[in-house]
PDB file of N, CA and C in Angstrom:
ATOM      1  N   MET A   1      98.027 110.518 105.097  1.00  0.00           N
ATOM      2  CA  MET A   1      99.289 110.554 105.795  1.00  0.00           C
ATOM      3  C   MET A   1     100.274 109.638 105.075  1.00  0.00           C
ATOM      4  N   ILE A   2     101.491 110.097 104.945  1.00  0.00           N
ATOM      5  CA  ILE A   2     102.541 109.343 104.280  1.00  0.00           C
ATOM      6  C   ILE A   2     103.620 109.022 105.306  1.00  0.00           C
ATOM      7  N   SER A   3     104.050 107.781 105.333  1.00  0.00           N
ATOM      8  CA  SER A   3     105.089 107.353 106.270  1.00  0.00           C
ATOM      9  C   SER A   3     106.460 107.845 105.836  1.00  0.00           C
ATOM     10  N   PHE A   4     107.341 107.944 106.802  1.00  0.00           N
ATOM     11  CA  PHE A   4     108.737 108.284 106.551  1.00  0.00           C
ATOM     12  C   PHE A   4     109.580 107.311 107.349  1.00  0.00           C
ATOM     13  N   ALA A   5     110.580 106.693 106.706  1.00  0.00           N
ATOM     14  CA  ALA A   5     111.408 105.723 107.413  1.00  0.00           C
ATOM     15  C   ALA A   5     112.846 106.197 107.579  1.00  0.00           C
ATOM     16  N   SER A   6     113.460 106.702 106.514  1.00  0.00           N
ATOM     17  CA  SER A   6     114.880 107.011 106.628  1.00  0.00           C
ATOM     18  C   SER A   6     115.351 108.021 105.595  1.00  0.00           C
ATOM     19  N   LEU A   7     116.430 108.697 105.960  1.00  0.00           N
ATOM     20  CA  LEU A   7     117.200 109.488 105.009  1.00  0.00           C
ATOM     21  C   LEU A   7     118.392 108.630 104.611  1.00  0.00           C
ATOM     22  N   PHE A   8     118.758 108.666 103.344  1.00  0.00           N
ATOM     23  CA  PHE A   8     119.884 107.871 102.876  1.00  0.00           C
ATOM     24  C   PHE A   8     121.196 108.580 103.194  1.00  0.00           C
ATOM     25  N   GLY A   9     122.256 107.796 103.324  1.00  0.00           N
ATOM     26  CA  GLY A   9     123.579 108.329 103.624  1.00  0.00           C
ATOM     27  C   GLY A   9     124.564 108.020 102.506  1.00  0.00           C
ATOM     28  N   ILE A  10     125.799 108.406 102.728  1.00  0.00           N
ATOM     29  CA  ILE A  10     126.859 108.179 101.747  1.00  0.00           C
ATOM     30  C   ILE A  10     127.812 107.129 102.299  1.00  0.00           C
ATOM     31  N   GLY A  11     128.129 106.136 101.474  1.00  0.00           N
ATOM     32  CA  GLY A  11     129.079 105.105 101.874  1.00  0.00           C
ATOM     33  C   GLY A  11     128.525 104.095 102.855  1.00  0.00           C
ATOM     34  N   SER A  12     127.219 103.937 102.889  1.00  0.00           N
ATOM     35  CA  SER A  12     126.600 102.982 103.803  1.00  0.00           C
ATOM     36  C   SER A  12     126.941 101.553 103.391  1.00  0.00           C
ATOM     37  N   SER A  13     127.182 100.690 104.372  1.00  0.00           N
ATOM     38  CA  SER A  13     127.436  99.279 104.068  1.00  0.00           C
ATOM     39  C   SER A  13     126.152  98.578 103.636  1.00  0.00           C
ATOM     40  N   ASN A  14     125.014  99.189 103.919  1.00  0.00           N
ATOM     41  CA  ASN A  14     123.718  98.662 103.493  1.00  0.00           C
ATOM     42  C   ASN A  14     123.271  99.470 102.273  1.00  0.00           C
ATOM     43  N   GLY A  15     123.290  98.839 101.100  1.00  0.00           N
ATOM     44  CA  GLY A  15     122.931  99.527  99.865  1.00  0.00           C
ATOM     45  C   GLY A  15     121.531 100.098  99.864  1.00  0.00           C
ATOM     46  N   ASN A  16     120.641  99.544 100.690  1.00  0.00           N
ATOM     47  CA  ASN A  16     119.276 100.058 100.770  1.00  0.00           C
ATOM     48  C   ASN A  16     119.216 101.422 101.437  1.00  0.00           C
ATOM     49  N   LEU A  17     120.299 101.824 102.093  1.00  0.00           N
ATOM     50  CA  LEU A  17     120.335 103.112 102.778  1.00  0.00           C
ATOM     51  C   LEU A  17     121.371 104.062 102.180  1.00  0.00           C
ATOM     52  N   ASP A  18     121.924 103.712 101.021  1.00  0.00           N
ATOM     53  CA  ASP A  18     122.984 104.492 100.398  1.00  0.00           C
ATOM     54  C   ASP A  18     122.433 105.396  99.287  1.00  0.00           C
ATOM     55  N   LEU A  19     122.748 106.685  99.362  1.00  0.00           N
ATOM     56  CA  LEU A  19     122.269 107.664  98.370  1.00  0.00           C
ATOM     57  C   LEU A  19     122.636 107.279  96.938  1.00  0.00           C
ATOM     58  N   ILE A  20     123.882 106.967  96.729  1.00  0.00           N
ATOM     59  CA  ILE A  20     124.351 106.683  95.369  1.00  0.00           C
ATOM     60  C   ILE A  20     123.705 105.409  94.835  1.00  0.00           C
ATOM     61  N   GLU A  21     123.720 104.345  95.629  1.00  0.00           N
ATOM     62  CA  GLU A  21     123.148 103.083  95.166  1.00  0.00           C
ATOM     63  C   GLU A  21     121.654 103.205  94.887  1.00  0.00           C
ATOM     64  N   GLN A  22     120.924 103.886  95.750  1.00  0.00           N
ATOM     65  CA  GLN A  22     119.484 104.050  95.533  1.00  0.00           C
ATOM     66  C   GLN A  22     119.209 104.844  94.257  1.00  0.00           C
ATOM     67  N   ASN A  23     119.985 105.893  94.012  1.00  0.00           N
ATOM     68  CA  ASN A  23     119.782 106.686  92.801  1.00  0.00           C
ATOM     69  C   ASN A  23     120.172 105.917  91.544  1.00  0.00           C
ATOM     70  N   GLU A  24     121.192 105.083  91.628  1.00  0.00           N
ATOM     71  CA  GLU A  24     121.553 104.227  90.494  1.00  0.00           C
ATOM     72  C   GLU A  24     120.423 103.251  90.169  1.00  0.00           C
ATOM     73  N   ARG A  25     119.771 102.737  91.199  1.00  0.00           N
ATOM     74  CA  ARG A  25     118.685 101.769  91.004  1.00  0.00           C
ATOM     75  C   ARG A  25     117.492 102.366  90.264  1.00  0.00           C
ATOM     76  N   VAL A  26     117.211 103.630  90.516  1.00  0.00           N
ATOM     77  CA  VAL A  26     115.978 104.213  89.969  1.00  0.00           C
ATOM     78  C   VAL A  26     116.199 105.154  88.790  1.00  0.00           C
ATOM     79  N   LYS A  27     117.456 105.392  88.426  1.00  0.00           N
ATOM     80  CA  LYS A  27     117.677 106.329  87.314  1.00  0.00           C
ATOM     81  C   LYS A  27     116.996 105.792  86.065  1.00  0.00           C
ATOM     82  N   GLY A  28     116.398 106.667  85.354  1.00  0.00           N
ATOM     83  CA  GLY A  28     115.676 106.283  84.150  1.00  0.00           C
ATOM     84  C   GLY A  28     114.195 106.026  84.383  1.00  0.00           C
ATOM     85  N   GLU A  29     113.798 105.785  85.638  1.00  0.00           N
ATOM     86  CA  GLU A  29     112.376 105.538  85.918  1.00  0.00           C
ATOM     87  C   GLU A  29     111.565 106.819  85.889  1.00  0.00           C
ATOM     88  N   ILE A  30     112.215 107.921  86.158  1.00  0.00           N
ATOM     89  CA  ILE A  30     111.488 109.184  86.257  1.00  0.00           C
ATOM     90  C   ILE A  30     112.252 110.281  85.520  1.00  0.00           C
ATOM     91  N   ASP A  31     112.773 109.926  84.352  1.00  0.00           N
ATOM     92  CA  ASP A  31     113.651 110.824  83.622  1.00  0.00           C
ATOM     93  C   ASP A  31     112.949 111.994  82.946  1.00  0.00           C
ATOM     94  N   PHE A  32     111.638 112.093  83.093  1.00  0.00           N
ATOM     95  CA  PHE A  32     110.942 113.264  82.551  1.00  0.00           C
ATOM     96  C   PHE A  32     111.128 114.485  83.442  1.00  0.00           C
ATOM     97  N   LEU A  33     111.671 114.292  84.652  1.00  0.00           N
ATOM     98  CA  LEU A  33     111.973 115.413  85.546  1.00  0.00           C
ATOM     99  C   LEU A  33     113.478 115.655  85.549  1.00  0.00           C
ATOM    100  N   ASN A  34     113.876 116.914  85.467  1.00  0.00           N
ATOM    101  CA  ASN A  34     115.290 117.266  85.587  1.00  0.00           C
ATOM    102  C   ASN A  34     115.647 117.416  87.054  1.00  0.00           C
ATOM    103  N   ASP A  35     116.911 117.233  87.358  1.00  0.00           N
ATOM    104  CA  ASP A  35     117.408 117.481  88.716  1.00  0.00           C
ATOM    105  C   ASP A  35     116.604 116.722  89.767  1.00  0.00           C
ATOM    106  N   PHE A  36     116.426 115.435  89.578  1.00  0.00           N
ATOM    107  CA  PHE A  36     115.658 114.588  90.492  1.00  0.00           C
ATOM    108  C   PHE A  36     116.624 113.657  91.199  1.00  0.00           C
ATOM    109  N   PHE A  37     116.615 113.665  92.555  1.00  0.00           N
ATOM    110  CA  PHE A  37     117.580 112.899  93.337  1.00  0.00           C
ATOM    111  C   PHE A  37     116.887 112.348  94.575  1.00  0.00           C
ATOM    112  N   VAL A  38     116.821 111.021  94.713  1.00  0.00           N
ATOM    113  CA  VAL A  38     116.152 110.455  95.884  1.00  0.00           C
ATOM    114  C   VAL A  38     117.032 110.647  97.116  1.00  0.00           C
ATOM    115  N   ILE A  39     116.389 110.977  98.244  1.00  0.00           N
ATOM    116  CA  ILE A  39     117.123 111.277  99.478  1.00  0.00           C
ATOM    117  C   ILE A  39     116.698 110.408 100.648  1.00  0.00           C
ATOM    118  N   GLY A  40     115.554 109.740 100.543  1.00  0.00           N
ATOM    119  CA  GLY A  40     115.060 108.926 101.647  1.00  0.00           C
ATOM    120  C   GLY A  40     113.900 108.073 101.193  1.00  0.00           C
ATOM    121  N   GLY A  41     113.366 107.290 102.127  1.00  0.00           N
ATOM    122  CA  GLY A  41     112.293 106.394 101.741  1.00  0.00           C
ATOM    123  C   GLY A  41     111.279 106.148 102.833  1.00  0.00           C
ATOM    124  N   ASP A  42     110.207 105.475 102.435  1.00  0.00           N
ATOM    125  CA  ASP A  42     109.193 105.030 103.387  1.00  0.00           C
ATOM    126  C   ASP A  42     109.308 103.508 103.509  1.00  0.00           C
ATOM    127  N   PRO A  43     108.569 102.886 104.428  1.00  0.00           N
ATOM    128  CA  PRO A  43     108.676 101.436 104.590  1.00  0.00           C
ATOM    129  C   PRO A  43     108.135 100.638 103.404  1.00  0.00           C
ATOM    130  N   GLY A  44     107.408 101.267 102.484  1.00  0.00           N
ATOM    131  CA  GLY A  44     106.784 100.552 101.377  1.00  0.00           C
ATOM    132  C   GLY A  44     107.553 100.585 100.068  1.00  0.00           C
ATOM    133  N   GLY A  45     108.800 101.063 100.080  1.00  0.00           N
ATOM    134  CA  GLY A  45     109.594 101.091  98.858  1.00  0.00           C
ATOM    135  C   GLY A  45     109.397 102.336  98.010  1.00  0.00           C
ATOM    136  N   ASN A  46     108.810 103.359  98.584  1.00  0.00           N
ATOM    137  CA  ASN A  46     108.614 104.630  97.892  1.00  0.00           C
ATOM    138  C   ASN A  46     109.678 105.609  98.367  1.00  0.00           C
ATOM    139  N   TYR A  47     109.851 106.685  97.639  1.00  0.00           N
ATOM    140  CA  TYR A  47     110.970 107.584  97.907  1.00  0.00           C
ATOM    141  C   TYR A  47     110.542 109.016  98.194  1.00  0.00           C
ATOM    142  N   TYR A  48     111.419 109.701  98.925  1.00  0.00           N
ATOM    143  CA  TYR A  48     111.405 111.151  99.047  1.00  0.00           C
ATOM    144  C   TYR A  48     112.552 111.641  98.175  1.00  0.00           C
ATOM    145  N   ALA A  49     112.326 112.710  97.435  1.00  0.00           N
ATOM    146  CA  ALA A  49     113.340 113.174  96.490  1.00  0.00           C
ATOM    147  C   ALA A  49     113.430 114.687  96.473  1.00  0.00           C
ATOM    148  N   LEU A  50     114.620 115.175  96.156  1.00  0.00           N
ATOM    149  CA  LEU A  50     114.822 116.588  95.868  1.00  0.00           C
ATOM    150  C   LEU A  50     114.673 116.767  94.367  1.00  0.00           C
ATOM    151  N   SER A  51     113.989 117.810  93.971  1.00  0.00           N
ATOM    152  CA  SER A  51     113.835 118.101  92.554  1.00  0.00           C
ATOM    153  C   SER A  51     113.733 119.600  92.372  1.00  0.00           C
ATOM    154  N   ARG A  52     114.080 120.057  91.187  1.00  0.00           N
ATOM    155  CA  ARG A  52     113.923 121.473  90.874  1.00  0.00           C
ATOM    156  C   ARG A  52     112.772 121.601  89.898  1.00  0.00           C
ATOM    157  N   LEU A  53     111.743 122.313  90.323  1.00  0.00           N
ATOM    158  CA  LEU A  53     110.557 122.541  89.502  1.00  0.00           C
ATOM    159  C   LEU A  53     110.382 124.041  89.339  1.00  0.00           C
ATOM    160  N   ASP A  54     110.344 124.505  88.115  1.00  0.00           N
ATOM    161  CA  ASP A  54     110.228 125.946  87.840  1.00  0.00           C
ATOM    162  C   ASP A  54     111.309 126.735  88.573  1.00  0.00           C
ATOM    163  N   ASN A  55     112.528 126.203  88.567  1.00  0.00           N
ATOM    164  CA  ASN A  55     113.694 126.820  89.209  1.00  0.00           C
ATOM    165  C   ASN A  55     113.567 126.956  90.719  1.00  0.00           C
ATOM    166  N   VAL A  56     112.709 126.162  91.339  1.00  0.00           N
ATOM    167  CA  VAL A  56     112.563 126.143  92.790  1.00  0.00           C
ATOM    168  C   VAL A  56     112.810 124.716  93.264  1.00  0.00           C
ATOM    169  N   HIS A  57     113.668 124.570  94.275  1.00  0.00           N
ATOM    170  CA  HIS A  57     113.928 123.242  94.824  1.00  0.00           C
ATOM    171  C   HIS A  57     112.761 122.817  95.702  1.00  0.00           C
ATOM    172  N   LYS A  58     112.334 121.587  95.518  1.00  0.00           N
ATOM    173  CA  LYS A  58     111.206 121.023  96.262  1.00  0.00           C
ATOM    174  C   LYS A  58     111.592 119.646  96.774  1.00  0.00           C
ATOM    175  N   VAL A  59     110.956 119.232  97.855  1.00  0.00           N
ATOM    176  CA  VAL A  59     111.014 117.835  98.277  1.00  0.00           C
ATOM    177  C   VAL A  59     109.687 117.222  97.860  1.00  0.00           C
ATOM    178  N   LEU A  60     109.779 116.112  97.150  1.00  0.00           N
ATOM    179  CA  LEU A  60     108.606 115.400  96.650  1.00  0.00           C
ATOM    180  C   LEU A  60     108.548 114.006  97.251  1.00  0.00           C
ATOM    181  N   TYR A  61     107.347 113.481  97.379  1.00  0.00           N
ATOM    182  CA  TYR A  61     107.142 112.082  97.732  1.00  0.00           C
ATOM    183  C   TYR A  61     106.776 111.361  96.446  1.00  0.00           C
ATOM    184  N   TRP A  62     107.522 110.317  96.124  1.00  0.00           N
ATOM    185  CA  TRP A  62     107.317 109.549  94.901  1.00  0.00           C
ATOM    186  C   TRP A  62     106.626 108.243  95.251  1.00  0.00           C
ATOM    187  N   ASP A  63     105.353 108.160  94.937  1.00  0.00           N
ATOM    188  CA  ASP A  63     104.555 106.954  95.208  1.00  0.00           C
ATOM    189  C   ASP A  63     104.820 105.926  94.104  1.00  0.00           C
ATOM    190  N   ARG A  64     106.010 105.407  94.112  1.00  0.00           N
ATOM    191  CA  ARG A  64     106.511 104.512  93.062  1.00  0.00           C
ATOM    192  C   ARG A  64     105.748 103.196  93.001  1.00  0.00           C
ATOM    193  N   THR A  65     105.288 102.697  94.133  1.00  0.00           N
ATOM    194  CA  THR A  65     104.603 101.398  94.189  1.00  0.00           C
ATOM    195  C   THR A  65     103.089 101.532  94.136  1.00  0.00           C
ATOM    196  N   HIS A  66     102.599 102.754  93.905  1.00  0.00           N
ATOM    197  CA  HIS A  66     101.156 103.033  93.834  1.00  0.00           C
ATOM    198  C   HIS A  66     100.439 102.722  95.152  1.00  0.00           C
ATOM    199  N   LEU A  67     101.169 102.826  96.265  1.00  0.00           N
ATOM    200  CA  LEU A  67     100.621 102.574  97.592  1.00  0.00           C
ATOM    201  C   LEU A  67      99.454 103.508  97.903  1.00  0.00           C
ATOM    202  N   HIS A  68      99.527 104.736  97.429  1.00  0.00           N
ATOM    203  CA  HIS A  68      98.506 105.743  97.730  1.00  0.00           C
ATOM    204  C   HIS A  68      97.591 106.023  96.537  1.00  0.00           C
ATOM    205  N   ALA A  69      97.528 105.113  95.593  1.00  0.00           N
ATOM    206  CA  ALA A  69      96.739 105.323  94.369  1.00  0.00           C
ATOM    207  C   ALA A  69      95.257 105.543  94.648  1.00  0.00           C
ATOM    208  N   ASP A  70      94.740 104.942  95.712  1.00  0.00           N
ATOM    209  CA  ASP A  70      93.321 105.080  96.026  1.00  0.00           C
ATOM    210  C   ASP A  70      93.021 106.218  96.993  1.00  0.00           C
ATOM    211  N   ASP A  71      94.048 106.938  97.446  1.00  0.00           N
ATOM    212  CA  ASP A  71      93.830 108.062  98.349  1.00  0.00           C
ATOM    213  C   ASP A  71      93.054 109.166  97.634  1.00  0.00           C
ATOM    214  N   THR A  72      92.394 109.995  98.408  1.00  0.00           N
ATOM    215  CA  THR A  72      91.610 111.080  97.817  1.00  0.00           C
ATOM    216  C   THR A  72      92.474 112.267  97.391  1.00  0.00           C
ATOM    217  N   ALA A  73      93.685 112.372  97.943  1.00  0.00           N
ATOM    218  CA  ALA A  73      94.569 113.482  97.569  1.00  0.00           C
ATOM    219  C   ALA A  73      95.007 113.335  96.120  1.00  0.00           C
ATOM    220  N   LYS A  74      94.939 114.414  95.400  1.00  0.00           N
ATOM    221  CA  LYS A  74      95.361 114.422  94.005  1.00  0.00           C
ATOM    222  C   LYS A  74      96.876 114.650  93.941  1.00  0.00           C
ATOM    223  N   PRO A  75      97.562 113.953  93.045  1.00  0.00           N
ATOM    224  CA  PRO A  75      99.010 114.152  92.942  1.00  0.00           C
ATOM    225  C   PRO A  75      99.341 115.537  92.403  1.00  0.00           C
ATOM    226  N   ASP A  76     100.483 116.063  92.821  1.00  0.00           N
ATOM    227  CA  ASP A  76     100.949 117.338  92.286  1.00  0.00           C
ATOM    228  C   ASP A  76     101.546 117.149  90.896  1.00  0.00           C
ATOM    229  N   ILE A  77     102.126 115.981  90.657  1.00  0.00           N
ATOM    230  CA  ILE A  77     102.629 115.616  89.334  1.00  0.00           C
ATOM    231  C   ILE A  77     102.121 114.211  89.045  1.00  0.00           C
ATOM    232  N   ALA A  78     101.244 114.102  88.066  1.00  0.00           N
ATOM    233  CA  ALA A  78     100.674 112.792  87.729  1.00  0.00           C
ATOM    234  C   ALA A  78     101.738 111.906  87.095  1.00  0.00           C
ATOM    235  N   GLU A  79     101.579 110.601  87.300  1.00  0.00           N
ATOM    236  CA  GLU A  79     102.570 109.657  86.788  1.00  0.00           C
ATOM    237  C   GLU A  79     102.662 109.691  85.264  1.00  0.00           C
ATOM    238  N   VAL A  80     103.839 109.355  84.781  1.00  0.00           N
ATOM    239  CA  VAL A  80     104.113 109.228  83.357  1.00  0.00           C
ATOM    240  C   VAL A  80     104.635 107.812  83.146  1.00  0.00           C
ATOM    241  N   ALA A  81     104.047 107.074  82.228  1.00  0.00           N
ATOM    242  CA  ALA A  81     104.484 105.709  81.905  1.00  0.00           C
ATOM    243  C   ALA A  81     104.535 104.811  83.142  1.00  0.00           C
ATOM    244  N   GLU A  82     103.526 104.916  83.990  1.00  0.00           N
ATOM    245  CA  GLU A  82     103.363 104.073  85.176  1.00  0.00           C
ATOM    246  C   GLU A  82     104.495 104.195  86.189  1.00  0.00           C
ATOM    247  N   CYS A  83     105.138 105.371  86.263  1.00  0.00           N
ATOM    248  CA  CYS A  83     106.230 105.569  87.215  1.00  0.00           C
ATOM    249  C   CYS A  83     105.726 105.801  88.632  1.00  0.00           C
ATOM    250  N   GLY A  84     104.470 106.175  88.795  1.00  0.00           N
ATOM    251  CA  GLY A  84     103.920 106.518  90.102  1.00  0.00           C
ATOM    252  C   GLY A  84     103.718 108.016  90.210  1.00  0.00           C
ATOM    253  N   ASN A  85     102.787 108.417  91.040  1.00  0.00           N
ATOM    254  CA  ASN A  85     102.488 109.834  91.235  1.00  0.00           C
ATOM    255  C   ASN A  85     103.515 110.498  92.141  1.00  0.00           C
ATOM    256  N   LEU A  86     103.636 111.809  92.005  1.00  0.00           N
ATOM    257  CA  LEU A  86     104.521 112.602  92.847  1.00  0.00           C
ATOM    258  C   LEU A  86     103.700 113.627  93.614  1.00  0.00           C
ATOM    259  N   TYR A  87     104.041 113.780  94.895  1.00  0.00           N
ATOM    260  CA  TYR A  87     103.328 114.700  95.772  1.00  0.00           C
ATOM    261  C   TYR A  87     104.316 115.695  96.362  1.00  0.00           C
ATOM    262  N   TYR A  88     103.929 116.955  96.378  1.00  0.00           N
ATOM    263  CA  TYR A  88     104.730 118.012  96.980  1.00  0.00           C
ATOM    264  C   TYR A  88     104.753 117.814  98.493  1.00  0.00           C
ATOM    265  N   VAL A  89     105.944 117.912  99.095  1.00  0.00           N
ATOM    266  CA  VAL A  89     106.082 117.762 100.546  1.00  0.00           C
ATOM    267  C   VAL A  89     106.569 119.049 101.195  1.00  0.00           C
ATOM    268  N   ALA A  90     107.624 119.650 100.652  1.00  0.00           N
ATOM    269  CA  ALA A  90     108.202 120.837 101.291  1.00  0.00           C
ATOM    270  C   ALA A  90     108.973 121.672 100.276  1.00  0.00           C
ATOM    271  N   ASP A  91     109.135 122.956 100.617  1.00  0.00           N
ATOM    272  CA  ASP A  91     109.959 123.867  99.819  1.00  0.00           C
ATOM    273  C   ASP A  91     111.420 123.703 100.228  1.00  0.00           C
ATOM    274  N   GLY A  92     112.095 122.743  99.669  1.00  0.00           N
ATOM    275  CA  GLY A  92     113.513 122.535  99.930  1.00  0.00           C
ATOM    276  C   GLY A  92     113.795 121.624 101.107  1.00  0.00           C
ATOM    277  N   PHE A  93     115.077 121.267 101.209  1.00  0.00           N
ATOM    278  CA  PHE A  93     115.514 120.294 102.202  1.00  0.00           C
ATOM    279  C   PHE A  93     115.400 120.824 103.629  1.00  0.00           C
ATOM    280  N   SER A  94     115.739 122.093 103.851  1.00  0.00           N
ATOM    281  CA  SER A  94     115.654 122.665 105.205  1.00  0.00           C
ATOM    282  C   SER A  94     114.232 122.621 105.740  1.00  0.00           C
ATOM    283  N   ALA A  95     113.269 122.973 104.913  1.00  0.00           N
ATOM    284  CA  ALA A  95     111.862 122.923 105.335  1.00  0.00           C
ATOM    285  C   ALA A  95     111.431 121.485 105.609  1.00  0.00           C
ATOM    286  N   PHE A  96     111.940 120.540 104.822  1.00  0.00           N
ATOM    287  CA  PHE A  96     111.645 119.125 105.034  1.00  0.00           C
ATOM    288  C   PHE A  96     112.183 118.662 106.389  1.00  0.00           C
ATOM    289  N   LEU A  97     113.431 119.018 106.702  1.00  0.00           N
ATOM    290  CA  LEU A  97     113.997 118.656 108.004  1.00  0.00           C
ATOM    291  C   LEU A  97     113.217 119.299 109.145  1.00  0.00           C
ATOM    292  N   ASP A  98     112.807 120.542 108.970  1.00  0.00           N
ATOM    293  CA  ASP A  98     112.000 121.209 109.995  1.00  0.00           C
ATOM    294  C   ASP A  98     110.703 120.445 110.249  1.00  0.00           C
ATOM    295  N   MET A  99     110.089 119.915 109.179  1.00  0.00           N
ATOM    296  CA  MET A  99     108.859 119.121 109.331  1.00  0.00           C
ATOM    297  C   MET A  99     109.129 117.849 110.125  1.00  0.00           C
ATOM    298  N   ILE A 100     110.244 117.190 109.842  1.00  0.00           N
ATOM    299  CA  ILE A 100     110.590 115.957 110.554  1.00  0.00           C
ATOM    300  C   ILE A 100     110.824 116.250 112.024  1.00  0.00           C
ATOM    301  N   VAL A 101     111.578 117.297 112.315  1.00  0.00           N
ATOM    302  CA  VAL A 101     111.853 117.663 113.706  1.00  0.00           C
ATOM    303  C   VAL A 101     110.556 118.014 114.429  1.00  0.00           C
ATOM    304  N   ALA A 102     109.713 118.827 113.811  1.00  0.00           N
ATOM    305  CA  ALA A 102     108.445 119.216 114.441  1.00  0.00           C
ATOM    306  C   ALA A 102     107.545 118.002 114.671  1.00  0.00           C
ATOM    307  N   GLY A 103     107.545 117.072 113.743  1.00  0.00           N
ATOM    308  CA  GLY A 103     106.687 115.898 113.860  1.00  0.00           C
ATOM    309  C   GLY A 103     107.163 114.873 114.858  1.00  0.00           C
ATOM    310  N   THR A 104     108.439 114.927 115.228  1.00  0.00           N
ATOM    311  CA  THR A 104     108.983 113.934 116.159  1.00  0.00           C
ATOM    312  C   THR A 104     109.397 114.537 117.497  1.00  0.00           C
ATOM    313  N   MET A 105     109.207 115.817 117.673  1.00  0.00           N
ATOM    314  CA  MET A 105     109.680 116.517 118.861  1.00  0.00           C
ATOM    315  C   MET A 105     109.179 115.911 120.174  1.00  0.00           C
ATOM    316  N   HIS A 106     107.953 115.463 120.205  1.00  0.00           N
ATOM    317  CA  HIS A 106     107.373 114.975 121.455  1.00  0.00           C
ATOM    318  C   HIS A 106     107.298 113.457 121.523  1.00  0.00           C
ATOM    319  N   MET A 107     107.999 112.782 120.636  1.00  0.00           N
ATOM    320  CA  MET A 107     107.987 111.321 120.653  1.00  0.00           C
ATOM    321  C   MET A 107     108.853 110.805 121.793  1.00  0.00           C
ATOM    322  N   GLN A 108     108.456 109.682 122.328  1.00  0.00           N
ATOM    323  CA  GLN A 108     109.243 109.019 123.357  1.00  0.00           C
ATOM    324  C   GLN A 108     110.225 108.084 122.667  1.00  0.00           C
ATOM    325  N   PHE A 109     111.495 108.347 122.814  1.00  0.00           N
ATOM    326  CA  PHE A 109     112.511 107.511 122.195  1.00  0.00           C
ATOM    327  C   PHE A 109     113.135 106.607 123.247  1.00  0.00           C
ATOM    328  N   ILE A 110     113.537 105.448 122.824  1.00  0.00           N
ATOM    329  CA  ILE A 110     114.234 104.519 123.702  1.00  0.00           C
ATOM    330  C   ILE A 110     115.719 104.712 123.460  1.00  0.00           C
ATOM    331  N   ALA A 111     116.475 104.882 124.532  1.00  0.00           N
ATOM    332  CA  ALA A 111     117.917 105.033 124.385  1.00  0.00           C
ATOM    333  C   ALA A 111     118.488 103.788 123.717  1.00  0.00           C
ATOM    334  N   VAL A 112     119.490 103.984 122.867  1.00  0.00           N
ATOM    335  CA  VAL A 112     120.078 102.858 122.137  1.00  0.00           C
ATOM    336  C   VAL A 112     120.554 101.778 123.100  1.00  0.00           C
ATOM    337  N   ASP A 113     121.114 102.164 124.241  1.00  0.00           N
ATOM    338  CA  ASP A 113     121.598 101.178 125.218  1.00  0.00           C
ATOM    339  C   ASP A 113     120.469 100.321 125.765  1.00  0.00           C
ATOM    340  N   ASP A 114     119.248 100.836 125.758  1.00  0.00           N
ATOM    341  CA  ASP A 114     118.094 100.108 126.290  1.00  0.00           C
ATOM    342  C   ASP A 114     117.285  99.409 125.206  1.00  0.00           C
ATOM    343  N   TRP A 115     117.707  99.535 123.940  1.00  0.00           N
ATOM    344  CA  TRP A 115     116.952  98.959 122.829  1.00  0.00           C
ATOM    345  C   TRP A 115     116.957  97.441 122.928  1.00  0.00           C
ATOM    346  N   PRO A 116     115.783  96.798 122.790  1.00  0.00           N
ATOM    347  CA  PRO A 116     115.756  95.330 122.874  1.00  0.00           C
ATOM    348  C   PRO A 116     116.522  94.691 121.722  1.00  0.00           C
ATOM    349  N   GLY A 117     117.137  93.552 121.998  1.00  0.00           N
ATOM    350  CA  GLY A 117     117.826  92.790 120.949  1.00  0.00           C
ATOM    351  C   GLY A 117     119.271  92.989 121.031  1.00  0.00           C
TER     352      GLY A 117
END
């Protein structure tokens, strides 16, 4: 199981949640893939990314910190130059969002007004 924490936005005052800033930080780390763009992250500093593989858009999980290196699942794209393994998550962004919605549909959420702190 892979954690999911956030989707990045545009113009965020927090650079850790900004699409452009996050992509600037990692450009060049995974330049063996064309059309690679990080879109979100997990709590461990790893990314979810959109990429085009064989002319098909995919959402990939980039295990940049080697958090899942000892897992039994084999990577869909093995690391190059210690960049971390990549795992297939979904066929495109819409399918990825559908997975998030399906996975959180029955969760109990606390209303923002009732959030502690």
